[in-house]
Protein backbone atom coordinates (compact mmCIF):
# COMPACT_ATOMS: atom_id res chain seq x y z
CA MET A 1 -60.56 -58.40 61.50
CA ARG A 2 -61.98 -60.65 58.80
CA PHE A 3 -60.48 -63.19 56.43
CA ARG A 4 -63.51 -64.19 54.38
CA PRO A 5 -66.69 -65.42 56.09
CA ILE A 6 -65.34 -68.29 58.27
CA LEU A 7 -62.28 -69.57 56.44
CA LEU A 8 -61.14 -73.06 57.41
CA ALA A 9 -57.62 -73.31 56.06
CA ALA A 10 -54.54 -75.49 56.16
CA LEU A 11 -51.35 -73.60 57.02
CA VAL A 12 -47.86 -74.71 56.11
CA VAL A 13 -45.48 -75.71 58.90
CA LEU A 14 -42.54 -73.33 58.52
CA ALA A 15 -38.95 -74.45 58.87
CA GLY A 16 -38.10 -71.16 60.56
CA CYS A 17 -40.22 -72.21 63.53
CA GLY A 18 -39.05 -75.79 63.81
CA GLY A 19 -41.03 -77.68 61.18
CA THR A 20 -39.89 -78.80 57.75
CA VAL A 21 -40.80 -77.32 54.41
CA GLY A 22 -39.55 -78.67 51.12
CA SER A 23 -40.54 -80.48 47.96
CA GLU A 24 -40.51 -84.26 47.71
CA GLY A 25 -39.44 -86.43 44.80
CA SER A 26 -41.88 -87.19 42.01
CA THR A 27 -43.60 -90.57 42.06
CA THR A 28 -46.18 -92.45 40.08
CA GLU A 29 -48.94 -94.51 41.69
CA THR A 30 -49.84 -97.37 39.39
CA SER A 31 -52.83 -99.69 39.17
CA THR A 32 -50.92 -102.36 41.10
CA GLY A 33 -50.65 -100.06 44.08
CA THR A 34 -46.87 -99.75 43.89
CA VAL A 35 -45.01 -96.50 43.78
CA THR A 36 -41.82 -95.95 41.80
CA PRO A 37 -39.73 -93.05 43.08
CA THR A 38 -37.58 -90.77 40.95
CA PRO A 39 -34.54 -89.01 42.39
CA THR A 40 -35.08 -86.21 44.88
CA PRO A 41 -32.78 -83.16 44.78
CA ALA A 42 -30.31 -83.10 47.66
CA SER A 43 -31.72 -79.80 48.89
CA ALA A 44 -35.24 -81.17 49.23
CA SER A 45 -36.80 -83.50 51.77
CA THR A 46 -36.51 -87.23 51.11
CA ALA A 47 -39.57 -88.68 49.37
CA GLU A 48 -41.18 -91.63 51.07
CA VAL A 49 -41.80 -94.77 49.04
CA THR A 50 -45.31 -96.11 49.51
CA THR A 51 -46.34 -99.72 49.11
CA THR A 52 -49.40 -101.84 48.50
CA PRO A 53 -51.87 -102.09 51.40
CA SER A 54 -50.89 -104.73 53.92
CA GLU A 55 -54.42 -105.54 55.07
CA THR A 56 -56.65 -107.99 53.22
CA PRO A 57 -59.69 -105.94 52.20
CA ALA A 58 -63.22 -107.04 53.08
CA HIS A 59 -64.14 -106.15 49.51
CA PRO A 60 -62.13 -108.50 47.20
CA GLY A 61 -61.44 -106.97 43.83
CA PHE A 62 -62.58 -103.57 45.13
CA GLY A 63 -66.05 -104.12 43.74
CA ASP A 64 -68.67 -101.47 44.42
CA PRO A 65 -71.07 -102.16 47.31
CA SER A 66 -74.81 -102.41 46.80
CA SER A 67 -75.28 -99.26 48.91
CA ASP A 68 -73.08 -96.49 50.27
CA ARG A 69 -70.56 -97.72 52.84
CA LEU A 70 -68.22 -96.03 55.27
CA GLY A 71 -64.85 -96.07 53.53
CA TRP A 72 -66.26 -96.10 49.99
CA GLU A 73 -67.06 -93.04 47.89
CA ALA A 74 -68.00 -92.58 44.23
CA GLY A 75 -66.58 -95.92 43.09
CA TYR A 76 -63.41 -96.01 45.21
CA TRP A 77 -62.52 -97.83 48.43
CA HIS A 78 -60.25 -96.28 51.04
CA ASP A 79 -57.53 -98.90 50.44
CA GLU A 80 -57.89 -99.07 46.67
CA PRO A 81 -54.84 -98.24 44.49
CA LEU A 82 -55.26 -95.74 41.65
CA ASP A 83 -54.03 -95.73 38.08
CA VAL A 84 -52.81 -92.15 38.36
CA ASN A 85 -49.64 -90.51 37.08
CA ALA A 86 -48.82 -87.58 39.34
CA THR A 87 -45.53 -86.61 37.72
CA ASP A 88 -47.13 -84.26 35.19
CA GLY A 89 -50.00 -82.92 37.27
CA LEU A 90 -53.52 -84.31 37.51
CA ASN A 91 -56.10 -84.06 34.74
CA ARG A 92 -59.83 -83.80 35.49
CA SER A 93 -60.50 -87.55 35.67
CA GLU A 94 -57.41 -88.15 37.82
CA ARG A 95 -58.44 -85.37 40.21
CA GLY A 96 -61.90 -86.92 40.46
CA ALA A 97 -60.42 -90.28 41.38
CA VAL A 98 -58.02 -88.78 43.93
CA VAL A 99 -60.78 -86.72 45.58
CA ALA A 100 -63.19 -89.69 45.74
CA ARG A 101 -60.61 -92.00 47.29
CA THR A 102 -59.49 -89.33 49.76
CA MET A 103 -63.11 -88.81 50.79
CA ALA A 104 -63.37 -92.57 51.39
CA ARG A 105 -60.21 -92.49 53.50
CA VAL A 106 -61.26 -89.46 55.53
CA GLU A 107 -64.67 -90.88 56.40
CA TYR A 108 -63.10 -94.27 57.17
CA LEU A 109 -60.68 -92.67 59.63
CA ARG A 110 -63.18 -90.21 61.11
CA GLY A 111 -66.12 -92.61 61.41
CA LEU A 112 -68.55 -90.22 59.71
CA GLU A 113 -70.17 -90.66 56.31
CA PHE A 114 -70.04 -87.92 53.69
CA GLU A 115 -73.57 -86.84 52.86
CA SER A 116 -72.67 -85.32 49.48
CA ARG A 117 -69.76 -84.80 47.11
CA VAL A 118 -67.50 -81.79 47.68
CA PRO A 119 -66.23 -79.77 44.69
CA VAL A 120 -62.45 -79.31 44.73
CA GLU A 121 -60.78 -76.50 42.79
CA VAL A 122 -57.02 -76.35 42.25
CA VAL A 123 -55.48 -72.90 41.82
CA ASP A 124 -51.96 -71.52 41.71
CA ARG A 125 -50.75 -69.28 44.51
CA ALA A 126 -51.01 -66.08 42.48
CA THR A 127 -54.70 -66.77 41.87
CA TYR A 128 -55.29 -67.55 45.52
CA ARG A 129 -53.65 -64.31 46.61
CA THR A 130 -55.86 -62.34 44.22
CA ASP A 131 -58.93 -63.83 45.88
CA GLU A 132 -57.87 -62.91 49.44
CA ASN A 133 -60.04 -60.65 51.53
CA VAL A 134 -58.31 -59.53 54.71
CA THR A 135 -59.73 -56.47 56.41
CA ALA A 136 -58.82 -54.87 59.73
CA THR A 137 -60.08 -51.94 61.79
CA GLY A 138 -58.26 -49.46 63.99
CA TRP A 139 -59.29 -51.58 66.96
CA ASP A 140 -57.52 -54.60 65.39
CA GLU A 141 -54.41 -52.49 64.88
CA VAL A 142 -54.24 -51.75 68.61
CA VAL A 143 -54.81 -55.40 69.57
CA TRP A 144 -51.90 -56.64 67.44
CA GLU A 145 -49.71 -53.78 68.67
CA ALA A 146 -50.56 -54.68 72.27
CA LEU A 147 -49.34 -58.22 71.56
CA LEU A 148 -46.04 -56.66 70.37
CA LEU A 149 -46.42 -58.58 67.10
CA ILE A 150 -47.38 -55.89 64.54
CA GLY A 151 -46.08 -52.42 65.31
CA GLU A 152 -47.25 -48.96 64.33
CA ASP A 153 -45.01 -48.92 61.25
CA ARG A 154 -47.14 -51.49 59.42
CA SER A 155 -50.75 -52.29 58.57
CA VAL A 156 -52.41 -55.37 60.03
CA GLU A 157 -54.21 -55.89 56.73
CA GLU A 158 -50.96 -55.91 54.79
CA VAL A 159 -49.12 -58.16 57.22
CA LEU A 160 -51.88 -60.74 57.54
CA GLY A 161 -52.69 -60.57 53.84
CA ALA A 162 -49.07 -61.36 52.97
CA PHE A 163 -48.87 -64.03 55.67
CA TYR A 164 -52.00 -65.94 54.67
CA GLY A 165 -51.28 -65.47 50.98
CA ALA A 166 -47.93 -67.20 51.41
CA SER A 167 -48.81 -69.87 53.96
CA VAL A 168 -52.35 -71.13 53.22
CA GLN A 169 -52.19 -74.46 51.39
CA GLY A 170 -55.92 -74.95 51.01
CA SER A 171 -59.22 -73.67 52.32
CA TYR A 172 -62.86 -74.60 52.79
CA VAL A 173 -65.53 -71.94 53.12
CA PRO A 174 -68.79 -73.37 54.51
CA SER A 175 -70.93 -70.72 52.86
CA GLU A 176 -69.56 -71.76 49.45
CA ASP A 177 -69.41 -75.52 50.16
CA ARG A 178 -66.23 -76.01 48.16
CA ILE A 179 -62.55 -76.68 48.68
CA VAL A 180 -59.74 -74.69 47.12
CA VAL A 181 -56.32 -76.37 47.06
CA VAL A 182 -53.29 -74.21 46.31
CA SER A 183 -50.97 -75.99 43.89
CA GLY A 184 -47.28 -75.85 44.76
CA ASP A 185 -46.30 -75.24 41.13
CA ASP A 186 -47.81 -74.37 37.77
CA ARG A 187 -49.14 -77.89 37.27
CA PRO A 188 -52.54 -78.77 38.83
CA THR A 189 -51.18 -80.89 41.69
CA ILE A 190 -52.92 -81.73 44.98
CA ASP A 191 -51.05 -82.25 48.22
CA ARG A 192 -52.54 -85.33 49.87
CA ARG A 193 -52.39 -83.93 53.41
CA THR A 194 -53.97 -80.63 52.42
CA LEU A 195 -56.83 -82.38 50.60
CA ALA A 196 -57.47 -84.68 53.57
CA HIS A 197 -57.42 -81.72 55.97
CA GLU A 198 -59.93 -79.68 53.97
CA LEU A 199 -62.20 -82.68 53.39
CA VAL A 200 -62.49 -83.04 57.16
CA HIS A 201 -63.76 -79.45 57.23
CA ALA A 202 -66.37 -80.36 54.61
CA LEU A 203 -67.35 -83.36 56.73
CA GLN A 204 -67.64 -81.09 59.78
CA ASP A 205 -69.90 -78.77 57.81
CA GLN A 206 -72.17 -81.66 56.83
CA HIS A 207 -72.47 -83.04 60.37
CA PHE A 208 -71.89 -80.07 62.69
CA GLU A 209 -73.04 -77.09 60.63
CA SER A 210 -74.32 -75.14 63.62
CA ALA A 211 -70.94 -75.44 65.36
CA LEU A 212 -69.17 -73.91 62.36
CA SER A 213 -71.53 -70.94 62.26
CA ARG A 214 -71.41 -70.05 65.95
CA SER A 215 -71.57 -66.30 66.55
CA ASN A 216 -70.74 -66.28 70.29
CA ARG A 217 -66.96 -66.21 69.87
CA THR A 218 -66.71 -62.82 71.53
CA SER A 219 -62.96 -62.70 72.17
CA ARG A 220 -59.72 -63.58 70.45
CA ASP A 221 -59.03 -66.34 72.97
CA ALA A 222 -62.47 -67.93 72.53
CA THR A 223 -61.96 -67.91 68.75
CA VAL A 224 -58.51 -69.50 69.04
CA ALA A 225 -59.97 -72.17 71.34
CA TRP A 226 -62.84 -72.89 68.92
CA GLN A 227 -60.31 -73.17 66.12
CA GLY A 228 -58.38 -75.63 68.29
CA LEU A 229 -61.32 -78.05 68.02
CA ILE A 230 -62.12 -77.37 64.36
CA GLU A 231 -58.55 -77.35 63.03
CA GLY A 232 -57.50 -79.94 65.59
CA ASP A 233 -60.02 -82.47 64.30
CA ALA A 234 -58.83 -81.88 60.74
CA GLY A 235 -55.17 -82.02 61.74
CA TYR A 236 -55.62 -85.18 63.79
CA VAL A 237 -57.29 -87.03 60.92
CA GLU A 238 -54.59 -85.67 58.60
CA ASP A 239 -51.91 -87.11 60.92
CA ARG A 240 -53.62 -90.51 61.06
CA TYR A 241 -54.03 -90.48 57.29
CA GLU A 242 -50.34 -89.79 56.76
CA ARG A 243 -49.26 -92.57 59.10
CA ARG A 244 -51.06 -95.15 56.96
CA CYS A 245 -49.26 -94.05 53.81
CA GLY A 246 -46.47 -96.50 53.06
CA SER A 247 -47.75 -99.24 55.37
CA GLU A 248 -51.44 -99.84 54.72
CA TRP A 249 -52.24 -97.48 51.86
CA SER A 250 -50.63 -96.59 48.55
CA CYS A 251 -50.45 -92.81 48.42
CA LEU A 252 -49.66 -90.05 45.99
CA PRO A 253 -46.42 -88.13 46.64
CA ARG A 254 -46.38 -85.01 48.74
CA SER A 255 -46.31 -81.87 46.61
CA ALA A 256 -43.90 -78.96 47.03
CA GLY A 257 -44.15 -76.85 50.17
CA ALA A 258 -45.85 -73.48 50.12
CA GLY A 259 -42.54 -71.64 50.27
CA ALA A 260 -43.83 -69.09 52.74
CA SER A 261 -41.45 -66.45 54.06
CA LEU A 262 -41.63 -65.15 57.62
CA ASP A 263 -40.08 -61.78 56.75
CA GLY A 264 -39.67 -60.98 60.45
CA ASP A 265 -43.21 -62.05 61.35
CA ALA A 266 -42.47 -65.34 63.10
CA GLY A 267 -44.52 -64.13 66.07
CA VAL A 268 -47.58 -63.58 63.88
CA TYR A 269 -47.15 -67.11 62.59
CA VAL A 270 -46.83 -68.56 66.10
CA ALA A 271 -49.97 -66.70 67.22
CA ALA A 272 -51.94 -67.92 64.20
CA TYR A 273 -50.64 -71.49 64.22
CA HIS A 274 -51.63 -72.48 67.76
CA PRO A 275 -54.91 -74.24 66.79
CA TYR A 276 -53.01 -76.28 64.19
CA SER A 277 -50.22 -77.16 66.61
CA ASP A 278 -52.11 -78.04 69.79
CA GLY A 279 -55.55 -78.74 68.34
CA PRO A 280 -54.70 -82.25 67.04
CA SER A 281 -53.28 -83.22 70.45
CA PHE A 282 -56.42 -81.84 72.12
CA VAL A 283 -58.65 -83.95 69.85
CA HIS A 284 -56.41 -86.98 70.41
CA ARG A 285 -56.93 -86.64 74.17
CA LEU A 286 -60.70 -86.36 73.70
CA ARG A 287 -60.70 -89.52 71.58
CA GLU A 288 -58.62 -91.35 74.19
CA ARG A 289 -61.22 -90.44 76.81
CA GLY A 290 -64.37 -91.38 74.95
CA GLY A 291 -63.73 -92.27 71.33
CA TRP A 292 -65.05 -90.27 68.42
CA LYS A 293 -68.29 -89.77 70.38
CA ALA A 294 -66.42 -87.50 72.80
CA VAL A 295 -65.05 -85.47 69.88
CA ASN A 296 -68.49 -85.19 68.28
CA THR A 297 -70.00 -84.07 71.58
CA ALA A 298 -67.40 -81.31 71.90
CA TYR A 299 -68.89 -79.52 68.90
CA ALA A 300 -71.92 -78.66 71.02
CA ASP A 301 -69.66 -77.49 73.86
CA PRO A 302 -66.34 -76.32 72.36
CA PRO A 303 -63.39 -75.13 74.45
CA THR A 304 -63.64 -71.49 75.45
CA SER A 305 -59.98 -70.72 76.10
CA SER A 306 -56.70 -71.60 74.40
CA THR A 307 -55.55 -72.78 77.85
CA GLN A 308 -57.92 -75.75 77.53
CA VAL A 309 -56.32 -76.66 74.19
CA ILE A 310 -52.80 -76.23 75.58
CA ASP A 311 -53.76 -78.37 78.59
CA PRO A 312 -56.61 -80.74 77.55
CA GLY A 313 -57.00 -81.87 81.16
CA ARG A 314 -58.74 -78.55 81.84
CA TYR A 315 -61.53 -79.27 79.34
CA PRO A 316 -64.44 -79.04 79.91
CA ASP A 317 -64.62 -78.19 83.64
CA TRP A 318 -62.07 -75.36 83.88
CA SER A 319 -62.91 -71.83 82.81
CA PRO A 320 -60.87 -68.60 82.91
CA ALA A 321 -61.48 -65.87 85.45
CA THR A 322 -63.63 -62.92 84.43
CA VAL A 323 -61.33 -59.89 84.28
CA ARG A 324 -62.70 -56.37 84.13
CA VAL A 325 -61.03 -53.05 83.35
CA SER A 326 -62.85 -50.04 84.74
CA ASP A 327 -62.83 -46.94 82.57
CA ARG A 328 -60.49 -44.42 84.22
CA SER A 329 -59.73 -42.39 81.12
CA ALA A 330 -59.45 -38.60 81.20
CA ASP A 331 -59.02 -35.64 78.85
CA ASP A 332 -60.17 -36.70 75.38
CA TRP A 333 -59.17 -40.38 75.64
CA ARG A 334 -62.02 -42.80 74.98
CA ARG A 335 -62.59 -46.47 74.43
CA PHE A 336 -63.39 -47.59 70.90
CA ASP A 337 -67.07 -47.56 69.98
CA ARG A 338 -67.30 -51.33 69.89
CA SER A 339 -69.23 -54.03 71.69
CA PRO A 340 -67.72 -55.58 73.66
CA VAL A 341 -65.22 -52.82 74.33
CA GLY A 342 -62.37 -55.21 75.01
CA THR A 343 -61.19 -58.72 74.25
CA THR A 344 -59.43 -61.62 75.95
CA VAL A 345 -56.17 -62.43 74.17
CA GLY A 346 -55.45 -65.64 76.10
CA GLU A 347 -52.49 -67.81 77.02
CA ALA A 348 -51.56 -68.84 73.46
CA SER A 349 -51.37 -65.25 72.22
CA LEU A 350 -49.40 -64.10 75.25
CA PHE A 351 -46.98 -66.97 74.67
CA ALA A 352 -46.51 -65.71 71.10
CA THR A 353 -45.77 -62.26 72.53
CA ILE A 354 -43.16 -63.64 74.93
CA TRP A 355 -41.60 -65.95 72.32
CA ALA A 356 -41.44 -63.37 69.52
CA ASN A 357 -39.78 -60.82 71.78
CA GLY A 358 -37.04 -63.05 73.13
CA GLY A 359 -38.66 -63.98 76.43
CA THR A 360 -38.09 -67.73 75.99
CA GLU A 361 -35.11 -69.98 75.42
CA PRO A 362 -34.50 -69.93 71.61
CA PHE A 363 -35.46 -73.53 70.86
CA HIS A 364 -38.31 -73.84 73.37
CA LEU A 365 -40.95 -73.79 70.63
CA GLN A 366 -39.37 -76.71 68.79
CA ARG A 367 -39.81 -79.13 71.69
CA PRO A 368 -43.38 -80.46 71.58
CA SER A 369 -44.21 -82.38 74.73
CA ARG A 370 -46.89 -84.84 73.61
CA PRO A 371 -48.15 -86.76 70.55
CA HIS A 372 -49.81 -84.89 67.67
CA ARG A 373 -48.40 -81.56 68.87
CA THR A 374 -46.22 -79.55 66.45
CA TYR A 375 -44.83 -76.89 68.80
CA ASN A 376 -44.54 -76.26 72.53
CA TYR A 377 -46.77 -73.42 73.75
CA THR A 378 -46.31 -74.28 77.45
CA HIS A 379 -43.89 -71.93 79.20
CA PRO A 380 -43.35 -70.80 82.82
CA ALA A 381 -43.99 -67.16 81.88
CA THR A 382 -47.54 -67.91 80.68
CA ALA A 383 -48.52 -71.31 82.13
CA GLY A 384 -50.11 -69.69 85.20
CA TRP A 385 -52.52 -67.64 83.08
CA ALA A 386 -56.00 -67.47 84.61
CA GLY A 387 -57.65 -64.69 82.55
CA ASP A 388 -57.15 -61.30 80.94
CA ARG A 389 -58.84 -58.31 79.38
CA LEU A 390 -57.39 -55.99 76.74
CA VAL A 391 -59.14 -52.65 76.19
CA PRO A 392 -57.91 -50.34 73.39
CA TYR A 393 -58.20 -46.54 73.69
CA ARG A 394 -57.81 -43.58 71.33
CA ASN A 395 -58.02 -39.81 71.52
CA GLY A 396 -59.29 -37.08 69.26
CA SER A 397 -55.90 -36.68 67.60
CA GLY A 398 -55.84 -40.29 66.44
CA ALA A 399 -53.28 -41.51 69.00
CA THR A 400 -53.92 -44.89 70.58
CA GLY A 401 -53.18 -46.70 73.84
CA TYR A 402 -54.47 -49.70 75.75
CA VAL A 403 -54.90 -51.41 79.08
CA LEU A 404 -54.03 -55.10 79.34
CA ARG A 405 -55.01 -56.59 82.70
CA THR A 406 -54.00 -60.19 83.33
CA GLU A 407 -54.94 -62.55 86.16
CA TRP A 408 -52.66 -65.39 87.30
CA ALA A 409 -53.08 -68.56 89.35
CA THR A 410 -50.59 -67.42 92.02
CA ALA A 411 -48.69 -64.29 92.97
CA ASP A 412 -45.50 -66.04 91.85
CA ASP A 413 -47.01 -66.65 88.40
CA ALA A 414 -47.97 -62.98 88.21
CA GLU A 415 -44.48 -61.88 89.20
CA THR A 416 -42.90 -64.24 86.65
CA PHE A 417 -45.00 -62.77 83.85
CA ALA A 418 -44.42 -59.16 84.96
CA ALA A 419 -40.66 -59.67 85.24
CA THR A 420 -40.50 -61.41 81.85
CA TYR A 421 -42.54 -58.64 80.22
CA ARG A 422 -40.42 -55.84 81.70
CA ASP A 423 -37.26 -57.65 80.64
CA LEU A 424 -38.35 -58.12 77.02
CA LEU A 425 -39.28 -54.42 76.80
CA ARG A 426 -35.77 -53.53 77.92
CA THR A 427 -33.74 -56.14 76.03
CA ARG A 428 -35.72 -56.48 72.81
CA ARG A 429 -37.39 -53.07 72.50
CA GLY A 430 -34.74 -50.88 74.14
CA ALA A 431 -37.00 -49.53 76.88
CA GLU A 432 -35.57 -47.09 79.43
CA ARG A 433 -36.58 -47.10 83.10
CA ARG A 434 -38.50 -44.16 84.52
CA GLU A 435 -40.08 -43.57 87.93
CA ASP A 436 -43.04 -45.56 89.34
CA GLY A 437 -42.42 -48.71 87.29
CA VAL A 438 -42.72 -46.90 83.96
CA LEU A 439 -40.70 -48.00 80.94
CA VAL A 440 -40.31 -45.91 77.78
CA VAL A 441 -39.42 -47.36 74.39
CA PRO A 442 -37.75 -44.35 72.73
CA ALA A 443 -37.84 -45.45 69.09
CA GLY A 444 -39.15 -48.05 66.69
CA PRO A 445 -42.62 -49.47 65.94
CA TYR A 446 -43.47 -49.77 69.64
CA ALA A 447 -42.19 -46.36 70.73
CA ASP A 448 -44.52 -45.69 73.67
CA ALA A 449 -44.69 -45.47 77.45
CA PHE A 450 -45.53 -48.63 79.42
CA ARG A 451 -46.60 -48.89 83.04
CA VAL A 452 -46.36 -52.46 84.38
CA GLU A 453 -47.93 -52.94 87.82
CA ARG A 454 -48.42 -56.12 89.85
CA SER A 455 -50.84 -56.39 92.76
CA GLY A 456 -51.14 -59.91 94.16
CA THR A 457 -52.17 -62.18 91.29
CA THR A 458 -53.00 -59.30 88.94
CA VAL A 459 -50.67 -57.63 86.42
CA THR A 460 -51.88 -54.47 84.69
CA ILE A 461 -50.06 -53.02 81.67
CA THR A 462 -51.03 -49.50 80.62
CA ASN A 463 -49.76 -48.13 77.31
CA ALA A 464 -49.81 -44.57 75.99
CA PRO A 465 -47.79 -42.47 73.52
CA THR A 466 -46.10 -40.55 76.38
CA VAL A 467 -45.55 -40.86 80.12
CA ALA A 468 -47.86 -37.90 80.69
CA ALA A 469 -50.68 -39.66 78.80
CA LEU A 470 -50.58 -42.86 80.88
CA ASP A 471 -52.93 -41.49 83.55
CA ALA A 472 -55.19 -40.05 80.86
CA VAL A 473 -55.59 -43.53 79.37
CA HIS A 474 -55.99 -45.28 82.71
CA GLY A 475 -55.62 -43.37 86.00
CA ARG A 476 -54.12 -45.14 88.99
CA ARG A 477 -57.18 -44.43 91.17
CA GLU A 478 -60.87 -44.47 90.43
């Protein structure tokens, strides 16, 4: 699956999953650094009123330094007020001033100097959707079906295209060295958090280019973990930026939310949002341990599993178990012609599976357990995860199946996951019990046969179109 060549994007926090989405009242930032609010509709979020900076600057009068300084960019200091009217959109000169000051603020917070200016383009959502490029293969279709997040009745390309088109607020593509900000309305407005987030990605590209172009992310879980560092760094700086607005910095108002609709795909959102939720907390823990130096060092040795991002105490010394699935297929069933033949989906994706299919208490996700964390991806059904391997299969008729083998820290953890999985098949998907631990979902987008087996700390899930085909996909004995 591909969504452009390495897209670093900001995603909206959706109210349907526990965050808040809504427009804020219009404000004007004046040359004195004060902000005058106008009324906010009752249905929208309350606009914050920002004030003049409380710190005495080390640069009286905001004069330009004799040479480039951390916290100063293109004529603007990080704590300098702007003569900008944001109520009617931003013209070219206003956008230039906003971008320059935001660059100064980002580098001041992050402790890294921008090496060059970054072009920023503002587009409306319709234009952004037109420029999307989401592609998926048959292999991707089986992976998302195995996660019980996108069933056989829909296309992964269509679902993810609609999801990203509605929820992306801005993006930075390293190969193009530019930022695209999606305006919340027809006027060319820039959301301050989105701009700060994407400017961190540009800063990453300038200082850690090799880390952004890594090609050894050979599994879904490794990619999600890598994103936890990349998006976590951007999200952490974004959080610290926002906390200074109204106390130390005068800030432009927040623009309208993206207005994304879940349309029954909350599980897809939860699977995609993990790096944005837990990544900032992961980076915060790294910075607590060793300052920004520890964060910078992590780019040369990024986390390899979403478990390390969920539980930062496991980074960098813990690593998941290597799980293998021997090929026991028969008849005309074969693995996909792909290298590697399988993938590791990881703890975060399995949590999304459990959550989306009713395997958790309804409001579990909305209870983050530590600072800079948006949602709670820690749950008894998945917290004992130690490794997994998912291998998709298909036959000559075009039917598909898969084997998902998971390894757990203890036999109790394995039994908890197996019991939770069997229960969600029955209660959410209407599965009927058959002999030998087989469950059959008779109708719907996941209408298949499932064999769920536990042996010690290992749980193996075999999927096929029919009960008779289960052994053809993966026989019980070698």
